[in-house]
C-alpha atoms as a PDB file:
ATOM      1  CA  MET A   1     -69.829-105.152 -11.877  1.00  0.00           C
ATOM      2  CA  ASN A   2     -69.061-102.110  -9.745  1.00  0.00           C
ATOM      3  CA  LYS A   3     -70.511 -98.639  -9.633  1.00  0.00           C
ATOM      4  CA  ILE A   4     -68.554 -95.382  -9.880  1.00  0.00           C
ATOM      5  CA  GLY A   5     -69.782 -91.817 -10.104  1.00  0.00           C
ATOM      6  CA  TYR A   6     -69.364 -88.100  -9.588  1.00  0.00           C
ATOM      7  CA  ILE A   7     -71.045 -85.175  -7.897  1.00  0.00           C
ATOM      8  CA  GLN A   8     -71.067 -81.837  -9.741  1.00  0.00           C
ATOM      9  CA  PHE A   9     -72.103 -78.711  -7.860  1.00  0.00           C
ATOM     10  CA  GLN A  10     -71.324 -75.018  -7.371  1.00  0.00           C
ATOM     11  CA  PRO A  11     -69.326 -74.330  -4.195  1.00  0.00           C
ATOM     12  CA  ILE A  12     -69.624 -70.997  -2.411  1.00  0.00           C
ATOM     13  CA  LEU A  13     -66.255 -69.296  -2.107  1.00  0.00           C
ATOM     14  CA  GLY A  14     -64.939 -69.353   1.442  1.00  0.00           C
ATOM     15  CA  ASN A  15     -68.091 -70.839   2.984  1.00  0.00           C
ATOM     16  CA  LEU A  16     -67.276 -74.269   4.385  1.00  0.00           C
ATOM     17  CA  ASP A  17     -70.607 -74.781   6.141  1.00  0.00           C
ATOM     18  CA  ALA A  18     -72.637 -73.912   3.044  1.00  0.00           C
ATOM     19  CA  ASN A  19     -70.548 -76.248   0.909  1.00  0.00           C
ATOM     20  CA  ILE A  20     -71.020 -79.114   3.349  1.00  0.00           C
ATOM     21  CA  LYS A  21     -74.786 -78.538   3.229  1.00  0.00           C
ATOM     22  CA  LYS A  22     -74.769 -78.543  -0.576  1.00  0.00           C
ATOM     23  CA  ILE A  23     -72.817 -81.795  -0.736  1.00  0.00           C
ATOM     24  CA  GLN A  24     -74.920 -83.362   2.009  1.00  0.00           C
ATOM     25  CA  ALA A  25     -78.065 -82.701  -0.017  1.00  0.00           C
ATOM     26  CA  LEU A  26     -76.567 -84.373  -3.096  1.00  0.00           C
ATOM     27  CA  PHE A  27     -74.924 -87.397  -1.482  1.00  0.00           C
ATOM     28  CA  PRO A  28     -78.110 -89.526  -1.304  1.00  0.00           C
ATOM     29  CA  LEU A  29     -78.361 -89.407  -5.104  1.00  0.00           C
ATOM     30  CA  GLY A  30     -74.976 -91.132  -5.338  1.00  0.00           C
ATOM     31  CA  GLU A  31     -75.297 -93.548  -2.455  1.00  0.00           C
ATOM     32  CA  LYS A  32     -75.284 -96.613  -4.723  1.00  0.00           C
ATOM     33  CA  ALA A  33     -71.759 -95.865  -5.962  1.00  0.00           C
ATOM     34  CA  ASP A  34     -68.854 -97.926  -4.679  1.00  0.00           C
ATOM     35  CA  LEU A  35     -66.618 -94.929  -5.415  1.00  0.00           C
ATOM     36  CA  ILE A  36     -67.784 -91.357  -5.959  1.00  0.00           C
ATOM     37  CA  VAL A  37     -65.746 -88.251  -6.781  1.00  0.00           C
ATOM     38  CA  LEU A  38     -66.306 -84.596  -5.857  1.00  0.00           C
ATOM     39  CA  PRO A  39     -64.691 -81.556  -7.515  1.00  0.00           C
ATOM     40  CA  GLU A  40     -61.413 -79.837  -6.727  1.00  0.00           C
ATOM     41  CA  LEU A  41     -61.556 -77.536  -3.675  1.00  0.00           C
ATOM     42  CA  ALA A  42     -65.083 -78.714  -2.909  1.00  0.00           C
ATOM     43  CA  SER A  43     -64.652 -77.520   0.667  1.00  0.00           C
ATOM     44  CA  SER A  44     -63.807 -73.918  -0.097  1.00  0.00           C
ATOM     45  CA  GLY A  45     -64.386 -72.802  -3.650  1.00  0.00           C
ATOM     46  CA  TYR A  46     -61.554 -71.796  -5.936  1.00  0.00           C
ATOM     47  CA  ASN A  47     -60.978 -68.226  -7.048  1.00  0.00           C
ATOM     48  CA  PHE A  48     -59.331 -66.608  -4.041  1.00  0.00           C
ATOM     49  CA  ALA A  49     -58.146 -63.036  -4.513  1.00  0.00           C
ATOM     50  CA  THR A  50     -55.225 -63.518  -2.118  1.00  0.00           C
ATOM     51  CA  ARG A  51     -53.435 -66.221  -0.184  1.00  0.00           C
ATOM     52  CA  ASP A  52     -54.765 -64.714   3.040  1.00  0.00           C
ATOM     53  CA  GLU A  53     -58.320 -65.222   1.809  1.00  0.00           C
ATOM     54  CA  ALA A  54     -57.568 -68.880   1.080  1.00  0.00           C
ATOM     55  CA  LEU A  55     -55.881 -69.310   4.449  1.00  0.00           C
ATOM     56  CA  LYS A  56     -59.028 -68.236   6.291  1.00  0.00           C
ATOM     57  CA  CYS A  57     -60.953 -71.284   5.077  1.00  0.00           C
ATOM     58  CA  ALA A  58     -58.101 -73.811   4.940  1.00  0.00           C
ATOM     59  CA  GLU A  59     -58.098 -76.763   7.326  1.00  0.00           C
ATOM     60  CA  GLU A  60     -55.587 -79.234   8.687  1.00  0.00           C
ATOM     61  CA  ILE A  61     -56.693 -82.719   7.721  1.00  0.00           C
ATOM     62  CA  THR A  62     -56.561 -84.044  11.276  1.00  0.00           C
ATOM     63  CA  LYS A  63     -58.688 -81.141  12.564  1.00  0.00           C
ATOM     64  CA  SER A  64     -60.960 -80.677   9.570  1.00  0.00           C
ATOM     65  CA  LYS A  65     -64.723 -80.320   9.806  1.00  0.00           C
ATOM     66  CA  PHE A  66     -64.904 -81.073   6.092  1.00  0.00           C
ATOM     67  CA  VAL A  67     -62.880 -84.277   6.382  1.00  0.00           C
ATOM     68  CA  GLU A  68     -64.986 -85.411   9.340  1.00  0.00           C
ATOM     69  CA  PHE A  69     -68.129 -84.837   7.273  1.00  0.00           C
ATOM     70  CA  ILE A  70     -66.791 -86.761   4.271  1.00  0.00           C
ATOM     71  CA  ILE A  71     -65.720 -89.678   6.490  1.00  0.00           C
ATOM     72  CA  ALA A  72     -69.117 -89.773   8.218  1.00  0.00           C
ATOM     73  CA  SER A  73     -70.819 -89.817   4.814  1.00  0.00           C
ATOM     74  CA  ALA A  74     -68.596 -92.653   3.574  1.00  0.00           C
ATOM     75  CA  LYS A  75     -69.418 -94.718   6.638  1.00  0.00           C
ATOM     76  CA  LYS A  76     -73.138 -93.994   6.384  1.00  0.00           C
ATOM     77  CA  GLN A  77     -73.292 -94.861   2.686  1.00  0.00           C
ATOM     78  CA  ASN A  78     -70.692 -97.666   2.843  1.00  0.00           C
ATOM     79  CA  GLN A  79     -68.715 -96.221  -0.047  1.00  0.00           C
ATOM     80  CA  TYR A  80     -65.395 -94.657  -0.978  1.00  0.00           C
ATOM     81  CA  ILE A  81     -65.274 -90.909  -1.583  1.00  0.00           C
ATOM     82  CA  VAL A  82     -62.671 -88.638  -3.174  1.00  0.00           C
ATOM     83  CA  ALA A  83     -63.069 -84.935  -2.436  1.00  0.00           C
ATOM     84  CA  GLY A  84     -61.003 -81.838  -3.112  1.00  0.00           C
ATOM     85  CA  MET A  85     -60.137 -79.578  -0.188  1.00  0.00           C
ATOM     86  CA  ASN A  86     -58.086 -76.557   0.800  1.00  0.00           C
ATOM     87  CA  GLU A  87     -55.451 -78.119   3.066  1.00  0.00           C
ATOM     88  CA  LYS A  88     -53.361 -76.264   5.632  1.00  0.00           C
ATOM     89  CA  ASP A  89     -50.156 -77.889   6.838  1.00  0.00           C
ATOM     90  CA  GLY A  90     -48.460 -75.507   9.235  1.00  0.00           C
ATOM     91  CA  ASP A  91     -48.113 -72.267   7.285  1.00  0.00           C
ATOM     92  CA  THR A  92     -48.333 -74.013   3.920  1.00  0.00           C
ATOM     93  CA  LEU A  93     -51.431 -74.458   1.767  1.00  0.00           C
ATOM     94  CA  PHE A  94     -51.986 -77.395  -0.568  1.00  0.00           C
ATOM     95  CA  ASN A  95     -54.688 -78.038  -3.148  1.00  0.00           C
ATOM     96  CA  THR A  96     -55.473 -81.542  -1.943  1.00  0.00           C
ATOM     97  CA  GLY A  97     -57.642 -84.511  -2.801  1.00  0.00           C
ATOM     98  CA  ILE A  98     -58.559 -86.871   0.020  1.00  0.00           C
ATOM     99  CA  LEU A  99     -59.700 -90.482  -0.192  1.00  0.00           C
ATOM    100  CA  VAL A 100     -61.895 -91.881   2.566  1.00  0.00           C
ATOM    101  CA  GLY A 101     -63.940 -95.026   2.990  1.00  0.00           C
ATOM    102  CA  PRO A 102     -66.140 -96.896   5.438  1.00  0.00           C
ATOM    103  CA  GLN A 103     -63.029 -97.535   7.524  1.00  0.00           C
ATOM    104  CA  GLY A 104     -62.146 -93.811   7.693  1.00  0.00           C
ATOM    105  CA  PHE A 105     -59.360 -91.702   6.203  1.00  0.00           C
ATOM    106  CA  ILE A 106     -57.236 -93.599   3.680  1.00  0.00           C
ATOM    107  CA  GLY A 107     -54.891 -91.105   2.053  1.00  0.00           C
ATOM    108  CA  LYS A 108     -54.384 -87.920   0.103  1.00  0.00           C
ATOM    109  CA  TYR A 109     -52.838 -86.446  -3.012  1.00  0.00           C
ATOM    110  CA  GLN A 110     -51.529 -82.881  -3.161  1.00  0.00           C
ATOM    111  CA  LYS A 111     -51.861 -81.223  -6.573  1.00  0.00           C
ATOM    112  CA  ILE A 112     -48.512 -81.039  -8.335  1.00  0.00           C
ATOM    113  CA  HIS A 113     -49.232 -78.874 -11.380  1.00  0.00           C
ATOM    114  CA  LEU A 114     -50.651 -75.529 -10.277  1.00  0.00           C
ATOM    115  CA  PHE A 115     -52.722 -73.412 -12.667  1.00  0.00           C
ATOM    116  CA  LEU A 116     -52.504 -69.615 -13.044  1.00  0.00           C
ATOM    117  CA  ASN A 117     -52.974 -67.826  -9.691  1.00  0.00           C
ATOM    118  CA  GLU A 118     -52.878 -71.077  -7.741  1.00  0.00           C
ATOM    119  CA  LYS A 119     -49.114 -70.546  -7.880  1.00  0.00           C
ATOM    120  CA  ASP A 120     -49.516 -67.539  -5.574  1.00  0.00           C
ATOM    121  CA  ILE A 121     -51.562 -69.471  -3.022  1.00  0.00           C
ATOM    122  CA  PHE A 122     -50.628 -73.135  -2.910  1.00  0.00           C
ATOM    123  CA  LYS A 123     -47.408 -75.096  -2.825  1.00  0.00           C
ATOM    124  CA  PRO A 124     -46.933 -77.891  -5.375  1.00  0.00           C
ATOM    125  CA  GLY A 125     -47.592 -81.312  -3.921  1.00  0.00           C
ATOM    126  CA  GLU A 126     -44.868 -83.193  -2.109  1.00  0.00           C
ATOM    127  CA  ALA A 127     -46.527 -86.575  -1.605  1.00  0.00           C
ATOM    128  CA  GLY A 128     -45.884 -87.997  -5.082  1.00  0.00           C
ATOM    129  CA  LEU A 129     -48.532 -89.918  -7.004  1.00  0.00           C
ATOM    130  CA  PRO A 130     -49.921 -92.561  -4.649  1.00  0.00           C
ATOM    131  CA  VAL A 131     -52.141 -95.429  -5.712  1.00  0.00           C
ATOM    132  CA  PHE A 132     -54.560 -96.823  -3.142  1.00  0.00           C
ATOM    133  CA  ASP A 133     -55.934-100.356  -2.919  1.00  0.00           C
ATOM    134  CA  ILE A 134     -59.598-100.111  -1.890  1.00  0.00           C
ATOM    135  CA  GLY A 135     -60.531-103.722  -2.422  1.00  0.00           C
ATOM    136  CA  PHE A 136     -62.578-103.792  -5.593  1.00  0.00           C
ATOM    137  CA  CYS A 137     -59.993-101.662  -7.404  1.00  0.00           C
ATOM    138  CA  LYS A 138     -56.810 -99.676  -7.150  1.00  0.00           C
ATOM    139  CA  THR A 139     -57.347 -95.954  -7.516  1.00  0.00           C
ATOM    140  CA  SER A 140     -55.399 -92.720  -7.651  1.00  0.00           C
ATOM    141  CA  ILE A 141     -56.202 -89.022  -7.534  1.00  0.00           C
ATOM    142  CA  LEU A 142     -55.267 -86.279  -9.977  1.00  0.00           C
ATOM    143  CA  ILE A 143     -56.469 -82.700  -9.745  1.00  0.00           C
ATOM    144  CA  CYS A 144     -57.614 -80.526 -12.651  1.00  0.00           C
ATOM    145  CA  PHE A 145     -54.583 -79.134 -14.556  1.00  0.00           C
ATOM    146  CA  ASP A 146     -52.591 -82.298 -13.817  1.00  0.00           C
ATOM    147  CA  TYR A 147     -54.400 -83.769 -16.824  1.00  0.00           C
ATOM    148  CA  ILE A 148     -52.152 -81.801 -19.219  1.00  0.00           C
ATOM    149  CA  PHE A 149     -49.092 -83.844 -18.245  1.00  0.00           C
ATOM    150  CA  PRO A 150     -48.952 -87.363 -19.733  1.00  0.00           C
ATOM    151  CA  GLU A 151     -46.275 -88.408 -17.263  1.00  0.00           C
ATOM    152  CA  VAL A 152     -48.706 -88.499 -14.339  1.00  0.00           C
ATOM    153  CA  TRP A 153     -51.151 -90.767 -16.136  1.00  0.00           C
ATOM    154  CA  ARG A 154     -48.382 -93.163 -17.086  1.00  0.00           C
ATOM    155  CA  ILE A 155     -47.011 -93.264 -13.541  1.00  0.00           C
ATOM    156  CA  VAL A 156     -50.321 -94.067 -11.868  1.00  0.00           C
ATOM    157  CA  GLY A 157     -51.130 -96.557 -14.599  1.00  0.00           C
ATOM    158  CA  MET A 158     -47.842 -98.378 -14.143  1.00  0.00           C
ATOM    159  CA  LYS A 159     -48.411 -98.373 -10.392  1.00  0.00           C
ATOM    160  CA  GLY A 160     -51.551-100.384 -10.978  1.00  0.00           C
ATOM    161  CA  ALA A 161     -54.395 -97.862 -10.888  1.00  0.00           C
ATOM    162  CA  ASP A 162     -57.646 -99.112 -12.392  1.00  0.00           C
ATOM    163  CA  ILE A 163     -59.582 -95.882 -11.821  1.00  0.00           C
ATOM    164  CA  VAL A 164     -58.253 -92.326 -11.720  1.00  0.00           C
ATOM    165  CA  CYS A 165     -60.336 -89.877  -9.712  1.00  0.00           C
ATOM    166  CA  HIS A 166     -59.866 -86.530 -11.441  1.00  0.00           C
ATOM    167  CA  ALA A 167     -61.203 -83.831  -9.113  1.00  0.00           C
ATOM    168  CA  SER A 168     -61.470 -80.666 -11.173  1.00  0.00           C
ATOM    169  CA  ASN A 169     -62.426 -77.014 -11.571  1.00  0.00           C
ATOM    170  CA  LEU A 170     -62.120 -76.947 -15.362  1.00  0.00           C
ATOM    171  CA  ILE A 171     -62.853 -73.799 -17.332  1.00  0.00           C
ATOM    172  CA  THR A 172     -62.530 -75.156 -20.890  1.00  0.00           C
ATOM    173  CA  THR A 173     -63.646 -78.293 -22.713  1.00  0.00           C
ATOM    174  CA  ASN A 174     -60.090 -79.347 -23.556  1.00  0.00           C
ATOM    175  CA  ALA A 175     -60.157 -82.069 -20.905  1.00  0.00           C
ATOM    176  CA  GLN A 176     -63.058 -83.779 -22.633  1.00  0.00           C
ATOM    177  CA  LYS A 177     -60.872 -83.953 -25.735  1.00  0.00           C
ATOM    178  CA  CYS A 178     -57.619 -85.042 -24.067  1.00  0.00           C
ATOM    179  CA  ILE A 179     -58.611 -87.363 -21.248  1.00  0.00           C
ATOM    180  CA  PRO A 180     -60.154 -90.122 -23.397  1.00  0.00           C
ATOM    181  CA  ALA A 181     -56.747 -90.501 -25.051  1.00  0.00           C
ATOM    182  CA  GLN A 182     -55.080 -90.983 -21.670  1.00  0.00           C
ATOM    183  CA  ALA A 183     -57.741 -93.509 -20.695  1.00  0.00           C
ATOM    184  CA  PHE A 184     -56.946 -95.487 -23.842  1.00  0.00           C
ATOM    185  CA  MET A 185     -53.159 -95.142 -23.699  1.00  0.00           C
ATOM    186  CA  ASN A 186     -53.065 -96.383 -20.106  1.00  0.00           C
ATOM    187  CA  LYS A 187     -56.226 -98.524 -20.125  1.00  0.00           C
ATOM    188  CA  LEU A 188     -57.938 -96.741 -17.232  1.00  0.00           C
ATOM    189  CA  PHE A 189     -61.358 -95.660 -16.105  1.00  0.00           C
ATOM    190  CA  ILE A 190     -61.302 -91.913 -15.383  1.00  0.00           C
ATOM    191  CA  VAL A 191     -63.898 -90.012 -13.375  1.00  0.00           C
ATOM    192  CA  THR A 192     -63.659 -86.256 -13.960  1.00  0.00           C
ATOM    193  CA  ALA A 193     -65.782 -84.438 -11.372  1.00  0.00           C
ATOM    194  CA  ASN A 194     -66.048 -80.777 -12.312  1.00  0.00           C
ATOM    195  CA  ARG A 195     -67.887 -77.799 -10.830  1.00  0.00           C
ATOM    196  CA  TYR A 196     -69.913 -75.090 -12.529  1.00  0.00           C
ATOM    197  CA  GLY A 197     -70.762 -71.438 -11.909  1.00  0.00           C
ATOM    198  CA  THR A 198     -68.818 -68.176 -11.826  1.00  0.00           C
ATOM    199  CA  GLU A 199     -66.401 -66.866  -9.203  1.00  0.00           C
ATOM    200  CA  GLY A 200     -65.017 -63.425  -9.963  1.00  0.00           C
ATOM    201  CA  ASP A 201     -63.551 -63.508 -13.454  1.00  0.00           C
ATOM    202  CA  ILE A 202     -63.653 -67.297 -13.851  1.00  0.00           C
ATOM    203  CA  THR A 203     -66.555 -69.355 -15.184  1.00  0.00           C
ATOM    204  CA  PHE A 204     -66.344 -73.102 -14.683  1.00  0.00           C
ATOM    205  CA  GLY A 205     -67.628 -75.471 -17.320  1.00  0.00           C
ATOM    206  CA  GLY A 206     -69.356 -78.350 -15.559  1.00  0.00           C
ATOM    207  CA  ASN A 207     -69.750 -81.274 -17.993  1.00  0.00           C
ATOM    208  CA  SER A 208     -68.343 -83.793 -15.515  1.00  0.00           C
ATOM    209  CA  PHE A 209     -67.730 -87.088 -17.286  1.00  0.00           C
ATOM    210  CA  ILE A 210     -66.612 -90.693 -17.004  1.00  0.00           C
ATOM    211  CA  THR A 211     -64.297 -92.298 -19.554  1.00  0.00           C
ATOM    212  CA  ASN A 212     -63.682 -96.005 -20.083  1.00  0.00           C
ATOM    213  CA  PRO A 213     -60.421 -97.732 -21.130  1.00  0.00           C
ATOM    214  CA  ASP A 214     -61.522 -97.693 -24.775  1.00  0.00           C
ATOM    215  CA  ALA A 215     -61.543 -93.867 -24.819  1.00  0.00           C
ATOM    216  CA  GLN A 216     -65.329 -93.671 -24.753  1.00  0.00           C
ATOM    217  CA  ILE A 217     -67.090 -91.050 -22.643  1.00  0.00           C
ATOM    218  CA  ILE A 218     -69.783 -93.227 -21.085  1.00  0.00           C
ATOM    219  CA  ASP A 219     -71.477 -90.499 -19.058  1.00  0.00           C
ATOM    220  CA  GLN A 220     -71.459 -86.689 -19.137  1.00  0.00           C
ATOM    221  CA  ALA A 221     -73.244 -84.010 -17.130  1.00  0.00           C
ATOM    222  CA  VAL A 222     -74.717 -80.719 -18.272  1.00  0.00           C
ATOM    223  CA  SER A 223     -72.633 -77.558 -18.044  1.00  0.00           C
ATOM    224  CA  ASP A 224     -74.598 -75.413 -15.615  1.00  0.00           C
ATOM    225  CA  LYS A 225     -76.494 -77.465 -13.036  1.00  0.00           C
ATOM    226  CA  ASP A 226     -75.977 -79.782 -10.098  1.00  0.00           C
ATOM    227  CA  ALA A 227     -75.508 -83.339 -11.300  1.00  0.00           C
ATOM    228  CA  VAL A 228     -74.978 -86.718  -9.680  1.00  0.00           C
ATOM    229  CA  SER A 229     -74.330 -89.750 -11.834  1.00  0.00           C
ATOM    230  CA  VAL A 230     -73.496 -93.381 -11.099  1.00  0.00           C
ATOM    231  CA  VAL A 231     -72.584 -95.909 -13.792  1.00  0.00           C
ATOM    232  CA  ASP A 232     -71.837 -99.632 -13.849  1.00  0.00           C
ATOM    233  CA  ILE A 233     -68.345-100.672 -14.880  1.00  0.00           C
ATOM    234  CA  ASP A 234     -66.471-103.932 -15.328  1.00  0.00           C
ATOM    235  CA  ILE A 235     -63.149-103.334 -13.601  1.00  0.00           C
ATOM    236  CA  SER A 236     -61.515-106.134 -15.616  1.00  0.00           C
ATOM    237  CA  GLU A 237     -61.568-103.808 -18.629  1.00  0.00           C
ATOM    238  CA  ALA A 238     -58.895-101.697 -16.907  1.00  0.00           C
ATOM    239  CA  ARG A 239     -56.738-104.735 -16.203  1.00  0.00           C
ATOM    240  CA  ASN A 240     -56.436-105.821 -19.804  1.00  0.00           C
ATOM    241  CA  LYS A 241     -53.543-103.684 -20.999  1.00  0.00           C
ATOM    242  CA  PHE A 242     -53.373-105.171 -24.488  1.00  0.00           C
ATOM    243  CA  VAL A 243     -54.362-103.026 -27.462  1.00  0.00           C
ATOM    244  CA  THR A 244     -53.749-105.904 -29.887  1.00  0.00           C
ATOM    245  CA  SER A 245     -52.933-109.561 -29.301  1.00  0.00           C
ATOM    246  CA  ARG A 246     -49.234-108.642 -29.394  1.00  0.00           C
ATOM    247  CA  ASN A 247     -49.146-105.111 -28.010  1.00  0.00           C
ATOM    248  CA  HIS A 248     -49.278-104.193 -24.325  1.00  0.00           C
ATOM    249  CA  VAL A 249     -49.306-100.530 -23.292  1.00  0.00           C
ATOM    250  CA  PHE A 250     -46.684-101.064 -20.575  1.00  0.00           C
ATOM    251  CA  ILE A 251     -44.701-104.152 -21.598  1.00  0.00           C
ATOM    252  CA  ASP A 252     -43.958-102.682 -25.041  1.00  0.00           C
ATOM    253  CA  ARG A 253     -42.332 -99.592 -23.579  1.00  0.00           C
ATOM    254  CA  ILE A 254     -38.591 -99.186 -24.278  1.00  0.00           C
ATOM    255  CA  PRO A 255     -37.369 -96.806 -21.526  1.00  0.00           C
ATOM    256  CA  SER A 256     -33.801 -96.749 -22.860  1.00  0.00           C
ATOM    257  CA  ASN A 257     -35.128 -94.642 -25.733  1.00  0.00           C
ATOM    258  CA  TYR A 258     -36.846 -92.127 -23.467  1.00  0.00           C
ATOM    259  CA  LYS A 259     -33.803 -90.596 -21.763  1.00  0.00           C
ATOM    260  CA  ASP A 260     -34.403 -87.190 -23.354  1.00  0.00           C
ATOM    261  CA  LEU A 261     -37.648 -86.940 -21.406  1.00  0.00           C
ATOM    262  CA  ILE A 262     -35.707 -86.394 -18.185  1.00  0.00           C
END
């Protein structure tokens, strides 16, 4: 058995130091997790009025106080951590999820599908959909609105992901309805780490949750409070891709019939 979990909290817009302190206070509650997931843009908050406002609190990964803090926490707690951050790469901003572990920085995913005003601030991701081998499992990162697109789930599933870390700033409960289907169709564990609270005209819904490969939500947070949860999972459940004795979610695909998709 392994342990996976999430941290749900309310970031303060543009205040990196305050957000680090908030996360630091919550980390001990999730220290037993082998893998724990934080929300989208956990470093900075979300609802920037302008790109310039976002730029002021963006960081380059190699020079990032936030990344250094997350790495130090992973080493201290001997665990893997996925966290959303506001990434600066030259003059370009990306809505990024990083993966770190006891050994340090492992990799990143840059959000591909941008939501509403994110399109005015960030550039769509350019690093594809990586899957990372972290020993006890293979994992990938998706960010918030990515969940709408079934293609991304299928790609990471076919690349061997056992667990998808879904760092989010969700404002509706649609994800709780849709994501269990993706967990079942691709036989994955999915950790959706959401935030809560209001920034400007946006209210975020909390209700972080964990879904198993049988489409069951096995843990869910409240909508309006800090929450840290860690659950036991059997990773072998994500490696059995059969839905019946004769039907496999990947082997039974017939790509020659899917040409219209592209």
